[in-house]
Amino acid sequence: MPDSQLISEGLSLMALGMGFVFVFLSVLVVTTTLMSKVIGRFFPEPPASPAPARRSAAAADEDELKVVISAALHRFRKRH
């Protein structure tokens, strides 16, 4: 077989393979998009409920954290 014929067959095989992969991935994207829309239509997500306000507990935790950090700093400075 001459080299030009091998190169020609190689290029045609490469184009065929790349075309097959392109078509497969395109079908995969379309199928995934359609499935997502179908699932979203028949099984909608419930609306998110607002989180309860816990401002007082967070403030108490912050105050306790400040006390613990200041005690740790005081002990560190006392030792060094």
PDB file of N, CA and C in Angstrom:
ATOM      1  N   MET A   1       0.836  -1.178   0.000  1.00  0.00           N
ATOM      2  CA  MET A   1       0.000   0.000   0.000  1.00  0.00           C
ATOM      3  C   MET A   1       0.883   1.244   0.000  1.00  0.00           C
ATOM      4  N   PRO A   2       0.607   2.145  -0.843  1.00  0.00           N
ATOM      5  CA  PRO A   2       1.393   3.381  -0.836  1.00  0.00           C
ATOM      6  C   PRO A   2       1.046   4.236   0.389  1.00  0.00           C
ATOM      7  N   ASP A   3       1.989   5.094   0.732  1.00  0.00           N
ATOM      8  CA  ASP A   3       1.819   5.926   1.918  1.00  0.00           C
ATOM      9  C   ASP A   3       0.617   6.845   1.817  1.00  0.00           C
ATOM     10  N   SER A   4       0.355   7.373   0.653  1.00  0.00           N
ATOM     11  CA  SER A   4      -0.772   8.298   0.497  1.00  0.00           C
ATOM     12  C   SER A   4      -2.110   7.600   0.750  1.00  0.00           C
ATOM     13  N   GLN A   5      -2.203   6.344   0.381  1.00  0.00           N
ATOM     14  CA  GLN A   5      -3.438   5.605   0.619  1.00  0.00           C
ATOM     15  C   GLN A   5      -3.605   5.308   2.110  1.00  0.00           C
ATOM     16  N   LEU A   6      -2.494   4.993   2.813  1.00  0.00           N
ATOM     17  CA  LEU A   6      -2.563   4.760   4.259  1.00  0.00           C
ATOM     18  C   LEU A   6      -2.983   6.024   4.992  1.00  0.00           C
ATOM     19  N   ILE A   7      -2.407   7.149   4.579  1.00  0.00           N
ATOM     20  CA  ILE A   7      -2.768   8.405   5.220  1.00  0.00           C
ATOM     21  C   ILE A   7      -4.232   8.730   4.951  1.00  0.00           C
ATOM     22  N   SER A   8      -4.706   8.495   3.751  1.00  0.00           N
ATOM     23  CA  SER A   8      -6.093   8.749   3.394  1.00  0.00           C
ATOM     24  C   SER A   8      -7.037   7.881   4.229  1.00  0.00           C
ATOM     25  N   GLU A   9      -6.720   6.606   4.362  1.00  0.00           N
ATOM     26  CA  GLU A   9      -7.548   5.712   5.176  1.00  0.00           C
ATOM     27  C   GLU A   9      -7.493   6.109   6.649  1.00  0.00           C
ATOM     28  N   GLY A  10      -6.325   6.513   7.109  1.00  0.00           N
ATOM     29  CA  GLY A  10      -6.200   6.958   8.499  1.00  0.00           C
ATOM     30  C   GLY A  10      -7.031   8.199   8.773  1.00  0.00           C
ATOM     31  N   LEU A  11      -7.002   9.148   7.858  1.00  0.00           N
ATOM     32  CA  LEU A  11      -7.787  10.371   8.030  1.00  0.00           C
ATOM     33  C   LEU A  11      -9.284  10.091   7.978  1.00  0.00           C
ATOM     34  N   SER A  12      -9.696   9.213   7.086  1.00  0.00           N
ATOM     35  CA  SER A  12     -11.128   8.888   7.013  1.00  0.00           C
ATOM     36  C   SER A  12     -11.581   8.144   8.271  1.00  0.00           C
ATOM     37  N   LEU A  13     -10.744   7.260   8.781  1.00  0.00           N
ATOM     38  CA  LEU A  13     -11.077   6.554  10.020  1.00  0.00           C
ATOM     39  C   LEU A  13     -11.135   7.521  11.194  1.00  0.00           C
ATOM     40  N   MET A  14     -10.206   8.472  11.230  1.00  0.00           N
ATOM     41  CA  MET A  14     -10.198   9.481  12.290  1.00  0.00           C
ATOM     42  C   MET A  14     -11.467  10.327  12.217  1.00  0.00           C
ATOM     43  N   ALA A  15     -11.855  10.760  11.025  1.00  0.00           N
ATOM     44  CA  ALA A  15     -13.063  11.569  10.867  1.00  0.00           C
ATOM     45  C   ALA A  15     -14.300  10.777  11.271  1.00  0.00           C
ATOM     46  N   LEU A  16     -14.348   9.510  10.912  1.00  0.00           N
ATOM     47  CA  LEU A  16     -15.476   8.670  11.291  1.00  0.00           C
ATOM     48  C   LEU A  16     -15.561   8.536  12.820  1.00  0.00           C
ATOM     49  N   GLY A  17     -14.439   8.300  13.462  1.00  0.00           N
ATOM     50  CA  GLY A  17     -14.419   8.167  14.920  1.00  0.00           C
ATOM     51  C   GLY A  17     -14.800   9.455  15.618  1.00  0.00           C
ATOM     52  N   MET A  18     -14.262  10.573  15.141  1.00  0.00           N
ATOM     53  CA  MET A  18     -14.592  11.859  15.750  1.00  0.00           C
ATOM     54  C   MET A  18     -16.065  12.203  15.532  1.00  0.00           C
ATOM     55  N   GLY A  19     -16.602  11.865  14.370  1.00  0.00           N
ATOM     56  CA  GLY A  19     -18.022  12.094  14.100  1.00  0.00           C
ATOM     57  C   GLY A  19     -18.907  11.268  15.015  1.00  0.00           C
ATOM     58  N   PHE A  20     -18.514  10.006  15.215  1.00  0.00           N
ATOM     59  CA  PHE A  20     -19.285   9.137  16.097  1.00  0.00           C
ATOM     60  C   PHE A  20     -19.290   9.677  17.520  1.00  0.00           C
ATOM     61  N   VAL A  21     -18.139  10.103  18.018  1.00  0.00           N
ATOM     62  CA  VAL A  21     -18.047  10.646  19.372  1.00  0.00           C
ATOM     63  C   VAL A  21     -18.867  11.933  19.482  1.00  0.00           C
ATOM     64  N   PHE A  22     -18.810  12.795  18.470  1.00  0.00           N
ATOM     65  CA  PHE A  22     -19.579  14.030  18.492  1.00  0.00           C
ATOM     66  C   PHE A  22     -21.075  13.754  18.540  1.00  0.00           C
ATOM     67  N   VAL A  23     -21.545  12.830  17.716  1.00  0.00           N
ATOM     68  CA  VAL A  23     -22.970  12.497  17.702  1.00  0.00           C
ATOM     69  C   VAL A  23     -23.379  11.885  19.036  1.00  0.00           C
ATOM     70  N   PHE A  24     -22.565  10.977  19.573  1.00  0.00           N
ATOM     71  CA  PHE A  24     -22.887  10.352  20.851  1.00  0.00           C
ATOM     72  C   PHE A  24     -22.977  11.385  21.966  1.00  0.00           C
ATOM     73  N   LEU A  25     -22.013  12.303  22.036  1.00  0.00           N
ATOM     74  CA  LEU A  25     -22.042  13.314  23.088  1.00  0.00           C
ATOM     75  C   LEU A  25     -23.206  14.284  22.905  1.00  0.00           C
ATOM     76  N   SER A  26     -23.544  14.601  21.669  1.00  0.00           N
ATOM     77  CA  SER A  26     -24.697  15.470  21.420  1.00  0.00           C
ATOM     78  C   SER A  26     -25.991  14.799  21.884  1.00  0.00           C
ATOM     79  N   VAL A  27     -26.141  13.531  21.570  1.00  0.00           N
ATOM     80  CA  VAL A  27     -27.322  12.794  22.018  1.00  0.00           C
ATOM     81  C   VAL A  27     -27.351  12.719  23.542  1.00  0.00           C
ATOM     82  N   LEU A  28     -26.217  12.535  24.154  1.00  0.00           N
ATOM     83  CA  LEU A  28     -26.135  12.474  25.611  1.00  0.00           C
ATOM     84  C   LEU A  28     -26.563  13.793  26.244  1.00  0.00           C
ATOM     85  N   VAL A  29     -26.117  14.911  25.699  1.00  0.00           N
ATOM     86  CA  VAL A  29     -26.487  16.225  26.238  1.00  0.00           C
ATOM     87  C   VAL A  29     -27.985  16.472  26.084  1.00  0.00           C
ATOM     88  N   VAL A  30     -28.516  16.154  24.914  1.00  0.00           N
ATOM     89  CA  VAL A  30     -29.952  16.364  24.673  1.00  0.00           C
ATOM     90  C   VAL A  30     -30.780  15.477  25.602  1.00  0.00           C
ATOM     91  N   THR A  31     -30.388  14.236  25.751  1.00  0.00           N
ATOM     92  CA  THR A  31     -31.121  13.314  26.627  1.00  0.00           C
ATOM     93  C   THR A  31     -31.084  13.776  28.074  1.00  0.00           C
ATOM     94  N   THR A  32     -29.933  14.209  28.538  1.00  0.00           N
ATOM     95  CA  THR A  32     -29.807  14.678  29.917  1.00  0.00           C
ATOM     96  C   THR A  32     -30.651  15.929  30.150  1.00  0.00           C
ATOM     97  N   THR A  33     -30.651  16.841  29.186  1.00  0.00           N
ATOM     98  CA  THR A  33     -31.453  18.057  29.315  1.00  0.00           C
ATOM     99  C   THR A  33     -32.943  17.724  29.356  1.00  0.00           C
ATOM    100  N   LEU A  34     -33.380  16.839  28.473  1.00  0.00           N
ATOM    101  CA  LEU A  34     -34.799  16.447  28.469  1.00  0.00           C
ATOM    102  C   LEU A  34     -35.193  15.741  29.762  1.00  0.00           C
ATOM    103  N   MET A  35     -34.339  14.870  30.261  1.00  0.00           N
ATOM    104  CA  MET A  35     -34.638  14.185  31.515  1.00  0.00           C
ATOM    105  C   MET A  35     -34.748  15.179  32.657  1.00  0.00           C
ATOM    106  N   SER A  36     -33.869  16.168  32.676  1.00  0.00           N
ATOM    107  CA  SER A  36     -33.909  17.180  33.728  1.00  0.00           C
ATOM    108  C   SER A  36     -35.214  17.962  33.681  1.00  0.00           C
ATOM    109  N   LYS A  37     -35.673  18.317  32.484  1.00  0.00           N
ATOM    110  CA  LYS A  37     -36.927  19.051  32.356  1.00  0.00           C
ATOM    111  C   LYS A  37     -38.118  18.198  32.759  1.00  0.00           C
ATOM    112  N   VAL A  38     -38.111  16.926  32.378  1.00  0.00           N
ATOM    113  CA  VAL A  38     -39.216  16.031  32.744  1.00  0.00           C
ATOM    114  C   VAL A  38     -39.267  15.842  34.250  1.00  0.00           C
ATOM    115  N   ILE A  39     -38.132  15.610  34.859  1.00  0.00           N
ATOM    116  CA  ILE A  39     -38.090  15.432  36.320  1.00  0.00           C
ATOM    117  C   ILE A  39     -38.547  16.704  37.014  1.00  0.00           C
ATOM    118  N   GLY A  40     -38.100  17.867  36.526  1.00  0.00           N
ATOM    119  CA  GLY A  40     -38.502  19.138  37.120  1.00  0.00           C
ATOM    120  C   GLY A  40     -39.987  19.402  36.991  1.00  0.00           C
ATOM    121  N   ARG A  41     -40.597  18.926  35.914  1.00  0.00           N
ATOM    122  CA  ARG A  41     -42.032  19.149  35.716  1.00  0.00           C
ATOM    123  C   ARG A  41     -42.865  18.241  36.607  1.00  0.00           C
ATOM    124  N   PHE A  42     -42.502  16.975  36.729  1.00  0.00           N
ATOM    125  CA  PHE A  42     -43.315  16.026  37.488  1.00  0.00           C
ATOM    126  C   PHE A  42     -42.957  15.965  38.972  1.00  0.00           C
ATOM    127  N   PHE A  43     -41.746  16.343  39.327  1.00  0.00           N
ATOM    128  CA  PHE A  43     -41.324  16.325  40.725  1.00  0.00           C
ATOM    129  C   PHE A  43     -40.698  17.669  41.081  1.00  0.00           C
ATOM    130  N   PRO A  44     -41.487  18.725  41.219  1.00  0.00           N
ATOM    131  CA  PRO A  44     -40.911  20.043  41.523  1.00  0.00           C
ATOM    132  C   PRO A  44     -40.347  20.065  42.942  1.00  0.00           C
ATOM    133  N   GLU A  45     -39.351  20.899  43.132  1.00  0.00           N
ATOM    134  CA  GLU A  45     -38.761  21.030  44.462  1.00  0.00           C
ATOM    135  C   GLU A  45     -39.701  21.820  45.356  1.00  0.00           C
ATOM    136  N   PRO A  46     -39.871  21.390  46.595  1.00  0.00           N
ATOM    137  CA  PRO A  46     -40.742  22.145  47.500  1.00  0.00           C
ATOM    138  C   PRO A  46     -40.094  23.494  47.825  1.00  0.00           C
ATOM    139  N   PRO A  47     -40.905  24.508  48.077  1.00  0.00           N
ATOM    140  CA  PRO A  47     -40.322  25.815  48.405  1.00  0.00           C
ATOM    141  C   PRO A  47     -39.547  25.736  49.718  1.00  0.00           C
ATOM    142  N   ALA A  48     -38.454  26.444  49.753  1.00  0.00           N
ATOM    143  CA  ALA A  48     -37.598  26.415  50.944  1.00  0.00           C
ATOM    144  C   ALA A  48     -38.263  27.192  52.063  1.00  0.00           C
ATOM    145  N   SER A  49     -38.305  26.581  53.229  1.00  0.00           N
ATOM    146  CA  SER A  49     -38.871  27.273  54.390  1.00  0.00           C
ATOM    147  C   SER A  49     -37.802  28.174  54.993  1.00  0.00           C
ATOM    148  N   PRO A  50     -38.208  29.334  55.461  1.00  0.00           N
ATOM    149  CA  PRO A  50     -37.209  30.245  56.039  1.00  0.00           C
ATOM    150  C   PRO A  50     -36.623  29.668  57.318  1.00  0.00           C
ATOM    151  N   ALA A  51     -35.344  29.891  57.488  1.00  0.00           N
ATOM    152  CA  ALA A  51     -34.665  29.370  58.676  1.00  0.00           C
ATOM    153  C   ALA A  51     -35.099  30.181  59.904  1.00  0.00           C
ATOM    154  N   PRO A  52     -35.304  29.507  61.018  1.00  0.00           N
ATOM    155  CA  PRO A  52     -35.711  30.236  62.223  1.00  0.00           C
ATOM    156  C   PRO A  52     -34.577  31.140  62.717  1.00  0.00           C
ATOM    157  N   ALA A  53     -34.956  32.272  63.258  1.00  0.00           N
ATOM    158  CA  ALA A  53     -33.966  33.235  63.750  1.00  0.00           C
ATOM    159  C   ALA A  53     -33.378  32.723  65.064  1.00  0.00           C
ATOM    160  N   ARG A  54     -32.062  32.654  65.132  1.00  0.00           N
ATOM    161  CA  ARG A  54     -31.377  32.184  66.341  1.00  0.00           C
ATOM    162  C   ARG A  54     -30.317  33.200  66.722  1.00  0.00           C
ATOM    163  N   ARG A  55     -30.696  34.432  66.736  1.00  0.00           N
ATOM    164  CA  ARG A  55     -29.742  35.500  67.002  1.00  0.00           C
ATOM    165  C   ARG A  55     -29.235  35.452  68.441  1.00  0.00           C
ATOM    166  N   SER A  56     -30.112  35.160  69.388  1.00  0.00           N
ATOM    167  CA  SER A  56     -29.700  35.183  70.785  1.00  0.00           C
ATOM    168  C   SER A  56     -28.703  34.064  71.102  1.00  0.00           C
ATOM    169  N   ALA A  57     -28.909  32.882  70.524  1.00  0.00           N
ATOM    170  CA  ALA A  57     -27.992  31.770  70.777  1.00  0.00           C
ATOM    171  C   ALA A  57     -26.629  32.059  70.158  1.00  0.00           C
ATOM    172  N   ALA A  58     -26.607  32.662  68.975  1.00  0.00           N
ATOM    173  CA  ALA A  58     -25.343  32.993  68.332  1.00  0.00           C
ATOM    174  C   ALA A  58     -24.602  34.059  69.121  1.00  0.00           C
ATOM    175  N   ALA A  59     -25.334  35.027  69.644  1.00  0.00           N
ATOM    176  CA  ALA A  59     -24.699  36.080  70.435  1.00  0.00           C
ATOM    177  C   ALA A  59     -24.108  35.504  71.719  1.00  0.00           C
ATOM    178  N   ALA A  60     -24.820  34.562  72.332  1.00  0.00           N
ATOM    179  CA  ALA A  60     -24.307  33.936  73.551  1.00  0.00           C
ATOM    180  C   ALA A  60     -23.050  33.126  73.236  1.00  0.00           C
ATOM    181  N   ASP A  61     -23.039  32.425  72.106  1.00  0.00           N
ATOM    182  CA  ASP A  61     -21.861  31.662  71.711  1.00  0.00           C
ATOM    183  C   ASP A  61     -20.678  32.585  71.450  1.00  0.00           C
ATOM    184  N   GLU A  62     -20.938  33.741  70.833  1.00  0.00           N
ATOM    185  CA  GLU A  62     -19.856  34.688  70.576  1.00  0.00           C
ATOM    186  C   GLU A  62     -19.278  35.229  71.873  1.00  0.00           C
ATOM    187  N   ASP A  63     -20.134  35.532  72.838  1.00  0.00           N
ATOM    188  CA  ASP A  63     -19.647  36.035  74.120  1.00  0.00           C
ATOM    189  C   ASP A  63     -18.802  34.992  74.835  1.00  0.00           C
ATOM    190  N   GLU A  64     -19.255  33.749  74.798  1.00  0.00           N
ATOM    191  CA  GLU A  64     -18.498  32.674  75.437  1.00  0.00           C
ATOM    192  C   GLU A  64     -17.160  32.473  74.732  1.00  0.00           C
ATOM    193  N   LEU A  65     -17.156  32.571  73.416  1.00  0.00           N
ATOM    194  CA  LEU A  65     -15.929  32.423  72.651  1.00  0.00           C
ATOM    195  C   LEU A  65     -14.938  33.526  72.991  1.00  0.00           C
ATOM    196  N   LYS A  66     -15.427  34.752  73.144  1.00  0.00           N
ATOM    197  CA  LYS A  66     -14.546  35.861  73.521  1.00  0.00           C
ATOM    198  C   LYS A  66     -13.910  35.619  74.885  1.00  0.00           C
ATOM    199  N   VAL A  67     -14.695  35.103  75.819  1.00  0.00           N
ATOM    200  CA  VAL A  67     -14.166  34.817  77.162  1.00  0.00           C
ATOM    201  C   VAL A  67     -13.097  33.737  77.099  1.00  0.00           C
ATOM    202  N   VAL A  68     -13.339  32.694  76.343  1.00  0.00           N
ATOM    203  CA  VAL A  68     -12.384  31.592  76.236  1.00  0.00           C
ATOM    204  C   VAL A  68     -11.101  32.063  75.574  1.00  0.00           C
ATOM    205  N   ILE A  69     -11.212  32.847  74.512  1.00  0.00           N
ATOM    206  CA  ILE A  69     -10.013  33.340  73.830  1.00  0.00           C
ATOM    207  C   ILE A  69      -9.221  34.271  74.721  1.00  0.00           C
ATOM    208  N   SER A  70      -9.895  35.150  75.447  1.00  0.00           N
ATOM    209  CA  SER A  70      -9.165  36.065  76.327  1.00  0.00           C
ATOM    210  C   SER A  70      -8.484  35.302  77.461  1.00  0.00           C
ATOM    211  N   ALA A  71      -9.118  34.243  77.983  1.00  0.00           N
ATOM    212  CA  ALA A  71      -8.486  33.437  79.027  1.00  0.00           C
ATOM    213  C   ALA A  71      -7.258  32.709  78.473  1.00  0.00           C
ATOM    214  N   ALA A  72      -7.359  32.215  77.256  1.00  0.00           N
ATOM    215  CA  ALA A  72      -6.220  31.531  76.651  1.00  0.00           C
ATOM    216  C   ALA A  72      -5.076  32.500  76.413  1.00  0.00           C
ATOM    217  N   LEU A  73      -5.369  33.693  75.966  1.00  0.00           N
ATOM    218  CA  LEU A  73      -4.321  34.704  75.769  1.00  0.00           C
ATOM    219  C   LEU A  73      -3.682  35.103  77.092  1.00  0.00           C
ATOM    220  N   HIS A  74      -4.494  35.268  78.125  1.00  0.00           N
ATOM    221  CA  HIS A  74      -3.958  35.627  79.442  1.00  0.00           C
ATOM    222  C   HIS A  74      -3.017  34.536  79.959  1.00  0.00           C
ATOM    223  N   ARG A  75      -3.407  33.275  79.825  1.00  0.00           N
ATOM    224  CA  ARG A  75      -2.570  32.173  80.282  1.00  0.00           C
ATOM    225  C   ARG A  75      -1.281  32.089  79.451  1.00  0.00           C
ATOM    226  N   PHE A  76      -1.380  32.300  78.135  1.00  0.00           N
ATOM    227  CA  PHE A  76      -0.197  32.263  77.277  1.00  0.00           C
ATOM    228  C   PHE A  76       0.779  33.368  77.657  1.00  0.00           C
ATOM    229  N   ARG A  77       0.265  34.569  77.866  1.00  0.00           N
ATOM    230  CA  ARG A  77       1.139  35.701  78.217  1.00  0.00           C
ATOM    231  C   ARG A  77       1.755  35.522  79.589  1.00  0.00           C
ATOM    232  N   LYS A  78       1.026  34.871  80.497  1.00  0.00           N
ATOM    233  CA  LYS A  78       1.557  34.649  81.833  1.00  0.00           C
ATOM    234  C   LYS A  78       2.734  33.666  81.782  1.00  0.00           C
ATOM    235  N   ARG A  79       2.668  32.663  80.924  1.00  0.00           N
ATOM    236  CA  ARG A  79       3.731  31.651  80.837  1.00  0.00           C
ATOM    237  C   ARG A  79       4.949  32.156  80.096  1.00  0.00           C
ATOM    238  N   HIS A  80       4.787  33.077  79.153  1.00  0.00           N
ATOM    239  CA  HIS A  80       5.919  33.523  78.324  1.00  0.00           C
ATOM    240  C   HIS A  80       6.368  34.879  78.683  1.00  0.00           C
TER     241      HIS A  80
END
